[in-house]
Amino acid sequence: MIGSTVVSPSATVHDVGIYIIKDLTMKTHVQRTASCCLATLHQLQSIRRYILLSVVHSIVSALVLSLLDYCNSLLIDLPLQHLQSVQNAAARLIFQPETL
């Protein structure tokens, strides 16, 4: 209770761009980061044929790889298959042959 207001604990906290769940694991953060990055890569895939490869590199670096790198020191000793799959998808997008 705070005054007359009942305050209940939250299962997930989002602070400074990091999601932490009640048992202090980063599972939610990893899942949400991977989901956001894969959505960005999917959108970029749909316009890739219309933009220069150098622009694709810049967008992937700015919107995907920077998100993966943000606070990655907190992810020590965690299973990171989701984030690895994002990196693999980014590499496939950049290095796939041009199709017109």
N, C-alpha and C. Protein backbone atom coordinates (compact mmCIF):
# COMPACT_ATOMS: atom_id res chain seq x y z
N MET A 1 0.83 -1.18 0.00
CA MET A 1 0.00 0.00 0.00
C MET A 1 0.88 1.26 0.00
N ILE A 2 0.54 2.16 -0.86
CA ILE A 2 1.15 3.48 -0.84
C ILE A 2 0.00 4.45 -0.67
N GLY A 3 -0.11 5.01 0.51
CA GLY A 3 -1.27 5.82 0.81
C GLY A 3 -2.50 4.94 0.81
N SER A 4 -3.46 5.28 -0.03
CA SER A 4 -4.67 4.47 -0.15
C SER A 4 -4.66 3.63 -1.42
N THR A 5 -3.54 3.62 -2.14
CA THR A 5 -3.44 2.90 -3.40
C THR A 5 -2.73 1.56 -3.19
N VAL A 6 -3.33 0.51 -3.72
CA VAL A 6 -2.71 -0.81 -3.66
C VAL A 6 -1.77 -0.94 -4.85
N VAL A 7 -0.51 -1.23 -4.58
CA VAL A 7 0.49 -1.39 -5.62
C VAL A 7 0.86 -2.87 -5.69
N SER A 8 0.67 -3.45 -6.88
CA SER A 8 1.02 -4.86 -7.04
C SER A 8 2.31 -4.98 -7.84
N PRO A 9 3.11 -6.00 -7.53
CA PRO A 9 4.38 -6.15 -8.26
C PRO A 9 4.15 -6.54 -9.72
N SER A 10 5.08 -6.16 -10.54
CA SER A 10 5.02 -6.47 -11.97
C SER A 10 5.90 -7.67 -12.26
N ALA A 11 5.47 -8.50 -13.22
CA ALA A 11 6.25 -9.67 -13.59
C ALA A 11 7.47 -9.28 -14.43
N THR A 12 7.33 -8.21 -15.22
CA THR A 12 8.41 -7.76 -16.10
C THR A 12 8.62 -6.26 -15.92
N VAL A 13 9.87 -5.86 -15.85
CA VAL A 13 10.21 -4.45 -15.72
C VAL A 13 11.02 -4.05 -16.95
N HIS A 14 10.71 -2.89 -17.51
CA HIS A 14 11.45 -2.35 -18.66
C HIS A 14 12.10 -1.06 -18.19
N ASP A 15 13.44 -1.06 -18.14
CA ASP A 15 14.15 0.11 -17.68
C ASP A 15 15.40 0.30 -18.52
N VAL A 16 15.60 1.47 -19.04
CA VAL A 16 16.76 1.84 -19.85
C VAL A 16 16.94 0.87 -21.02
N GLY A 17 15.82 0.42 -21.60
CA GLY A 17 15.88 -0.44 -22.77
C GLY A 17 16.12 -1.90 -22.47
N ILE A 18 16.04 -2.30 -21.21
CA ILE A 18 16.28 -3.68 -20.84
C ILE A 18 15.05 -4.23 -20.12
N TYR A 19 14.64 -5.44 -20.49
CA TYR A 19 13.53 -6.12 -19.85
C TYR A 19 14.09 -7.13 -18.86
N ILE A 20 13.62 -7.04 -17.62
CA ILE A 20 14.04 -7.98 -16.58
C ILE A 20 12.77 -8.57 -15.97
N ILE A 21 12.73 -9.90 -15.86
CA ILE A 21 11.57 -10.53 -15.24
C ILE A 21 11.85 -10.78 -13.76
N LYS A 22 10.80 -11.15 -13.04
CA LYS A 22 10.87 -11.18 -11.57
C LYS A 22 11.96 -12.07 -11.00
N ASP A 23 12.41 -13.10 -11.71
CA ASP A 23 13.49 -13.94 -11.20
C ASP A 23 14.87 -13.46 -11.67
N LEU A 24 14.93 -12.23 -12.16
CA LEU A 24 16.16 -11.54 -12.56
C LEU A 24 16.88 -12.19 -13.74
N THR A 25 16.15 -12.88 -14.58
CA THR A 25 16.77 -13.39 -15.80
C THR A 25 16.51 -12.41 -16.93
N MET A 26 17.21 -12.59 -18.00
CA MET A 26 17.09 -11.69 -19.15
C MET A 26 16.33 -12.35 -20.30
N LYS A 27 15.59 -13.40 -20.01
CA LYS A 27 14.89 -14.14 -21.05
C LYS A 27 13.95 -13.25 -21.86
N THR A 28 13.18 -12.42 -21.18
CA THR A 28 12.26 -11.51 -21.87
C THR A 28 13.02 -10.53 -22.74
N HIS A 29 14.13 -10.00 -22.23
CA HIS A 29 14.94 -9.06 -23.00
C HIS A 29 15.46 -9.70 -24.29
N VAL A 30 15.97 -10.93 -24.18
CA VAL A 30 16.50 -11.63 -25.35
C VAL A 30 15.38 -11.88 -26.36
N GLN A 31 14.23 -12.34 -25.90
CA GLN A 31 13.12 -12.63 -26.80
C GLN A 31 12.60 -11.38 -27.49
N ARG A 32 12.43 -10.31 -26.74
CA ARG A 32 11.92 -9.07 -27.34
C ARG A 32 12.93 -8.43 -28.28
N THR A 33 14.19 -8.49 -27.93
CA THR A 33 15.23 -7.95 -28.81
C THR A 33 15.27 -8.73 -30.11
N ALA A 34 15.25 -10.06 -30.02
CA ALA A 34 15.26 -10.88 -31.23
C ALA A 34 14.03 -10.62 -32.08
N SER A 35 12.88 -10.51 -31.46
CA SER A 35 11.64 -10.26 -32.19
C SER A 35 11.68 -8.92 -32.94
N CYS A 36 12.15 -7.89 -32.26
CA CYS A 36 12.24 -6.56 -32.87
C CYS A 36 13.23 -6.57 -34.03
N CYS A 37 14.37 -7.20 -33.84
CA CYS A 37 15.38 -7.26 -34.89
C CYS A 37 14.90 -8.05 -36.10
N LEU A 38 14.25 -9.18 -35.86
CA LEU A 38 13.74 -9.99 -36.97
C LEU A 38 12.65 -9.26 -37.74
N ALA A 39 11.82 -8.49 -37.03
CA ALA A 39 10.80 -7.69 -37.72
C ALA A 39 11.46 -6.63 -38.61
N THR A 40 12.50 -6.01 -38.11
CA THR A 40 13.23 -5.01 -38.91
C THR A 40 13.86 -5.65 -40.13
N LEU A 41 14.47 -6.82 -39.95
CA LEU A 41 15.08 -7.52 -41.08
C LEU A 41 14.04 -7.94 -42.11
N HIS A 42 12.88 -8.35 -41.65
CA HIS A 42 11.80 -8.73 -42.57
C HIS A 42 11.35 -7.53 -43.42
N GLN A 43 11.20 -6.38 -42.78
CA GLN A 43 10.82 -5.18 -43.52
C GLN A 43 11.91 -4.77 -44.50
N LEU A 44 13.14 -4.89 -44.08
CA LEU A 44 14.26 -4.54 -44.95
C LEU A 44 14.36 -5.49 -46.13
N GLN A 45 14.06 -6.76 -45.90
CA GLN A 45 14.08 -7.76 -46.97
C GLN A 45 13.11 -7.37 -48.09
N SER A 46 11.97 -6.80 -47.72
CA SER A 46 10.97 -6.46 -48.74
C SER A 46 11.40 -5.29 -49.63
N ILE A 47 12.33 -4.45 -49.16
CA ILE A 47 12.77 -3.32 -49.98
C ILE A 47 14.21 -3.47 -50.45
N ARG A 48 14.85 -4.57 -50.12
CA ARG A 48 16.28 -4.73 -50.41
C ARG A 48 16.61 -4.55 -51.88
N ARG A 49 15.78 -5.04 -52.76
CA ARG A 49 16.10 -4.97 -54.19
C ARG A 49 16.07 -3.54 -54.75
N TYR A 50 15.47 -2.62 -54.00
CA TYR A 50 15.32 -1.24 -54.48
C TYR A 50 16.37 -0.29 -53.93
N ILE A 51 17.22 -0.76 -53.02
CA ILE A 51 18.22 0.13 -52.42
C ILE A 51 19.61 -0.46 -52.59
N LEU A 52 20.61 0.41 -52.50
CA LEU A 52 22.00 0.00 -52.66
C LEU A 52 22.43 -0.90 -51.50
N LEU A 53 23.37 -1.78 -51.79
CA LEU A 53 23.87 -2.68 -50.77
C LEU A 53 24.53 -1.92 -49.61
N SER A 54 25.18 -0.82 -49.91
CA SER A 54 25.79 -0.02 -48.85
C SER A 54 24.74 0.54 -47.90
N VAL A 55 23.57 0.86 -48.42
CA VAL A 55 22.47 1.34 -47.59
C VAL A 55 21.94 0.21 -46.71
N VAL A 56 21.86 -1.00 -47.27
CA VAL A 56 21.44 -2.17 -46.50
C VAL A 56 22.40 -2.39 -45.34
N HIS A 57 23.71 -2.30 -45.61
CA HIS A 57 24.73 -2.46 -44.56
C HIS A 57 24.50 -1.43 -43.46
N SER A 58 24.28 -0.19 -43.84
CA SER A 58 24.09 0.88 -42.86
C SER A 58 22.85 0.66 -42.02
N ILE A 59 21.76 0.27 -42.66
CA ILE A 59 20.51 0.05 -41.93
C ILE A 59 20.63 -1.13 -40.98
N VAL A 60 21.22 -2.21 -41.44
CA VAL A 60 21.40 -3.38 -40.57
C VAL A 60 22.30 -3.02 -39.38
N SER A 61 23.35 -2.27 -39.62
CA SER A 61 24.24 -1.86 -38.52
C SER A 61 23.51 -0.96 -37.53
N ALA A 62 22.77 -0.01 -38.05
CA ALA A 62 22.11 0.97 -37.18
C ALA A 62 20.92 0.39 -36.42
N LEU A 63 20.10 -0.40 -37.09
CA LEU A 63 18.85 -0.84 -36.47
C LEU A 63 18.89 -2.24 -35.87
N VAL A 64 19.79 -3.07 -36.32
CA VAL A 64 19.80 -4.45 -35.84
C VAL A 64 21.03 -4.73 -34.96
N LEU A 65 22.20 -4.55 -35.52
CA LEU A 65 23.41 -4.89 -34.77
C LEU A 65 23.60 -4.01 -33.54
N SER A 66 23.20 -2.75 -33.62
CA SER A 66 23.32 -1.88 -32.45
C SER A 66 22.39 -2.34 -31.33
N LEU A 67 21.22 -2.84 -31.69
CA LEU A 67 20.29 -3.37 -30.68
C LEU A 67 20.84 -4.64 -30.04
N LEU A 68 21.48 -5.49 -30.84
CA LEU A 68 22.08 -6.70 -30.30
C LEU A 68 23.25 -6.38 -29.36
N ASP A 69 23.99 -5.33 -29.68
CA ASP A 69 25.16 -4.97 -28.87
C ASP A 69 24.80 -4.22 -27.59
N TYR A 70 23.62 -3.60 -27.55
CA TYR A 70 23.24 -2.77 -26.41
C TYR A 70 23.15 -3.62 -25.14
N CYS A 71 23.91 -3.31 -24.15
CA CYS A 71 23.94 -3.98 -22.84
C CYS A 71 24.20 -5.47 -22.96
N ASN A 72 24.97 -5.89 -23.94
CA ASN A 72 25.23 -7.32 -24.10
C ASN A 72 26.10 -7.88 -22.99
N SER A 73 26.76 -7.05 -22.21
CA SER A 73 27.55 -7.55 -21.09
C SER A 73 26.66 -8.15 -20.01
N LEU A 74 25.37 -7.81 -20.01
CA LEU A 74 24.43 -8.38 -19.05
C LEU A 74 23.99 -9.79 -19.42
N LEU A 75 24.33 -10.23 -20.63
CA LEU A 75 23.83 -11.50 -21.14
C LEU A 75 24.82 -12.65 -20.94
N ILE A 76 25.80 -12.47 -20.09
CA ILE A 76 26.80 -13.51 -19.83
C ILE A 76 26.12 -14.74 -19.25
N ASP A 77 26.51 -15.91 -19.72
CA ASP A 77 26.01 -17.21 -19.25
C ASP A 77 24.53 -17.45 -19.56
N LEU A 78 24.02 -16.82 -20.58
CA LEU A 78 22.63 -17.07 -21.00
C LEU A 78 22.63 -17.80 -22.33
N PRO A 79 21.62 -18.63 -22.57
CA PRO A 79 21.50 -19.24 -23.90
C PRO A 79 21.06 -18.17 -24.90
N LEU A 80 21.86 -17.97 -25.91
CA LEU A 80 21.64 -16.85 -26.83
C LEU A 80 21.30 -17.31 -28.25
N GLN A 81 20.61 -18.44 -28.39
CA GLN A 81 20.28 -18.95 -29.71
C GLN A 81 19.41 -17.95 -30.49
N HIS A 82 18.52 -17.26 -29.80
CA HIS A 82 17.64 -16.30 -30.48
C HIS A 82 18.46 -15.17 -31.10
N LEU A 83 19.42 -14.66 -30.35
CA LEU A 83 20.23 -13.56 -30.86
C LEU A 83 21.17 -14.04 -31.96
N GLN A 84 21.65 -15.27 -31.85
CA GLN A 84 22.48 -15.83 -32.91
C GLN A 84 21.68 -15.98 -34.19
N SER A 85 20.42 -16.37 -34.09
CA SER A 85 19.59 -16.50 -35.29
C SER A 85 19.35 -15.15 -35.94
N VAL A 86 19.29 -14.08 -35.14
CA VAL A 86 19.16 -12.73 -35.70
C VAL A 86 20.42 -12.37 -36.48
N GLN A 87 21.59 -12.66 -35.92
CA GLN A 87 22.84 -12.37 -36.62
C GLN A 87 22.93 -13.17 -37.92
N ASN A 88 22.51 -14.41 -37.89
CA ASN A 88 22.52 -15.23 -39.10
C ASN A 88 21.58 -14.66 -40.16
N ALA A 89 20.40 -14.22 -39.75
CA ALA A 89 19.44 -13.63 -40.69
C ALA A 89 19.98 -12.33 -41.28
N ALA A 90 20.66 -11.54 -40.46
CA ALA A 90 21.26 -10.30 -40.97
C ALA A 90 22.35 -10.61 -42.00
N ALA A 91 23.16 -11.61 -41.73
CA ALA A 91 24.22 -11.99 -42.67
C ALA A 91 23.62 -12.51 -43.97
N ARG A 92 22.56 -13.31 -43.89
CA ARG A 92 21.90 -13.80 -45.11
C ARG A 92 21.34 -12.64 -45.93
N LEU A 93 20.75 -11.66 -45.25
CA LEU A 93 20.19 -10.51 -45.96
C LEU A 93 21.28 -9.74 -46.69
N ILE A 94 22.41 -9.52 -46.03
CA ILE A 94 23.47 -8.73 -46.63
C ILE A 94 24.18 -9.49 -47.75
N PHE A 95 24.41 -10.77 -47.56
CA PHE A 95 25.24 -11.50 -48.50
C PHE A 95 24.48 -12.33 -49.53
N GLN A 96 23.15 -12.25 -49.55
CA GLN A 96 22.40 -13.00 -50.56
C GLN A 96 22.65 -12.36 -51.92
N PRO A 97 22.63 -13.15 -52.98
CA PRO A 97 22.88 -12.59 -54.31
C PRO A 97 21.76 -11.63 -54.71
N GLU A 98 22.14 -10.64 -55.47
CA GLU A 98 21.17 -9.68 -55.99
C GLU A 98 20.22 -10.36 -56.95
N THR A 99 18.92 -10.12 -56.79
CA THR A 99 17.94 -10.64 -57.72
C THR A 99 17.07 -9.48 -58.18
N LEU A 100 16.88 -9.35 -59.45
CA LEU A 100 16.06 -8.26 -59.99
C LEU A 100 14.89 -8.77 -60.74
